[in-house]
Protein backbone atom coordinates (compact mmCIF):
# COMPACT_ATOMS: atom_id res chain seq x y z
CA VAL A 1 25.27 7.73 44.31
CA LYS A 2 26.26 11.38 44.87
CA PHE A 3 28.10 11.46 41.52
CA ALA A 4 25.11 10.03 39.65
CA THR A 5 22.80 12.58 41.28
CA ASP A 6 25.11 15.46 40.27
CA ILE A 7 25.27 14.21 36.66
CA THR A 8 21.48 13.78 36.51
CA ALA A 9 20.97 17.36 37.72
CA GLN A 10 23.43 18.66 35.13
CA VAL A 11 21.72 16.71 32.36
CA LEU A 12 18.31 18.03 33.42
CA ALA A 13 19.61 21.60 33.60
CA SER A 14 21.21 21.25 30.18
CA HIS A 15 17.96 19.90 28.73
CA ALA A 16 15.96 22.76 30.30
CA LEU A 17 18.37 25.31 28.84
CA GLN A 18 18.24 23.73 25.37
CA GLN A 19 14.44 23.68 25.49
CA ALA A 20 14.28 27.34 26.60
CA VAL A 21 16.66 28.38 23.82
CA LYS A 22 14.57 26.51 21.21
CA GLN A 23 11.33 28.03 22.48
CA THR A 24 12.89 31.50 22.49
CA GLN A 25 14.18 31.04 18.95
CA ASP A 26 10.70 29.93 17.84
CA ALA A 27 9.04 33.00 19.40
CA VAL A 28 11.62 35.37 17.90
CA GLU A 29 11.33 33.74 14.46
CA ALA A 30 7.54 34.09 14.61
CA ALA A 31 7.94 37.80 15.49
CA LYS A 32 10.31 38.27 12.55
CA ASN A 33 7.54 36.82 10.38
CA ASN A 34 5.02 39.39 11.72
CA ASP A 35 3.42 37.01 14.24
CA LEU A 36 3.49 38.73 17.62
CA THR A 37 1.11 36.21 19.22
CA GLN A 38 3.68 33.55 20.09
CA ARG A 39 5.01 33.40 23.64
CA ILE A 40 7.52 31.22 25.46
CA PRO A 41 5.77 28.79 27.82
CA MET A 42 6.87 29.56 31.38
CA GLU A 43 6.07 26.16 32.89
CA GLY A 44 9.13 24.75 34.63
CA LYS A 45 11.27 27.82 34.01
CA LYS A 46 12.92 29.42 37.02
CA GLY A 47 15.97 31.41 37.91
CA GLU A 48 17.92 33.07 35.13
CA ILE A 49 16.24 31.01 32.39
CA GLY A 50 12.83 32.02 33.72
CA ALA A 51 13.86 35.68 33.91
CA LEU A 52 15.17 35.62 30.34
CA CYS A 53 12.05 33.95 28.94
CA SER A 54 9.79 36.28 30.92
CA GLY A 55 11.73 39.24 29.57
CA VAL A 56 11.33 38.07 25.97
CA ASN A 57 7.60 37.56 26.55
CA GLY A 58 7.37 41.06 28.00
CA LEU A 59 9.17 42.49 24.99
CA LEU A 60 6.75 40.71 22.66
CA ASP A 61 3.80 42.04 24.68
CA THR A 62 5.15 45.59 24.39
CA MET A 63 5.78 45.25 20.65
CA SER A 64 2.28 43.89 20.14
CA THR A 65 0.76 46.81 22.05
CA VAL A 66 2.78 49.36 20.05
CA VAL A 67 1.73 47.82 16.73
CA THR A 68 -1.92 47.71 17.83
CA ASN A 69 -1.77 51.39 18.86
CA ILE A 70 -0.22 52.35 15.52
CA ILE A 71 -2.92 50.45 13.61
CA GLU A 72 -5.66 52.14 15.65
CA ALA A 73 -4.12 55.60 15.20
CA THR A 74 -3.76 55.04 11.46
CA GLY A 75 -7.43 54.07 11.24
CA THR A 76 -8.44 57.20 13.14
CA ILE A 77 -6.34 59.40 10.89
CA ASN A 78 -7.74 57.76 7.74
CA ARG A 79 -11.32 58.18 8.95
CA ALA A 80 -10.69 61.84 9.80
CA ALA A 81 -9.07 62.44 6.41
CA SER A 82 -11.98 60.76 4.63
CA ALA A 83 -14.51 62.80 6.59
CA GLY A 84 -12.61 65.99 5.79
CA SER A 85 -12.50 65.13 2.11
CA ALA A 86 -16.22 64.39 2.05
CA MET A 87 -17.03 67.66 3.81
CA SER A 88 -14.76 69.61 1.46
CA ALA A 89 -16.32 67.99 -1.59
CA ALA A 90 -19.77 68.87 -0.30
CA GLY A 91 -18.76 72.49 0.12
CA SER A 92 -18.90 72.43 3.90
CA ILE A 93 -15.35 73.64 4.21
CA ALA A 94 -14.37 76.89 2.60
CA PRO A 95 -11.30 76.67 0.42
CA THR A 96 -8.21 78.27 1.88
CA LYS A 97 -6.58 81.22 0.20
CA ARG A 98 -2.98 80.87 -0.86
CA TYR A 99 -0.83 83.93 -0.87
CA ALA A 100 2.20 84.32 -3.07
CA ARG A 101 5.33 85.45 -1.31
């Protein structure tokens, strides 16, 4: 009975590892395809497998935040540039003098 219990635990651990690897590959593949919304489900994951999956999820969260911040900053810059162009075209901004060296 002890031998069968040991084998069952090994089989379950192997299955959990294979599932975690597949889920991690799926999340990474989605990120490579510009989808930063996918995460690895953490249900049933503990120990080193749980730490690894949690780390990948954290990395995806960080990447998503960085991309969102870049998109927002780009929008702000574009709006400021458009407003500056409109003001310049309306004559609100005096042209700058260029000096030859």
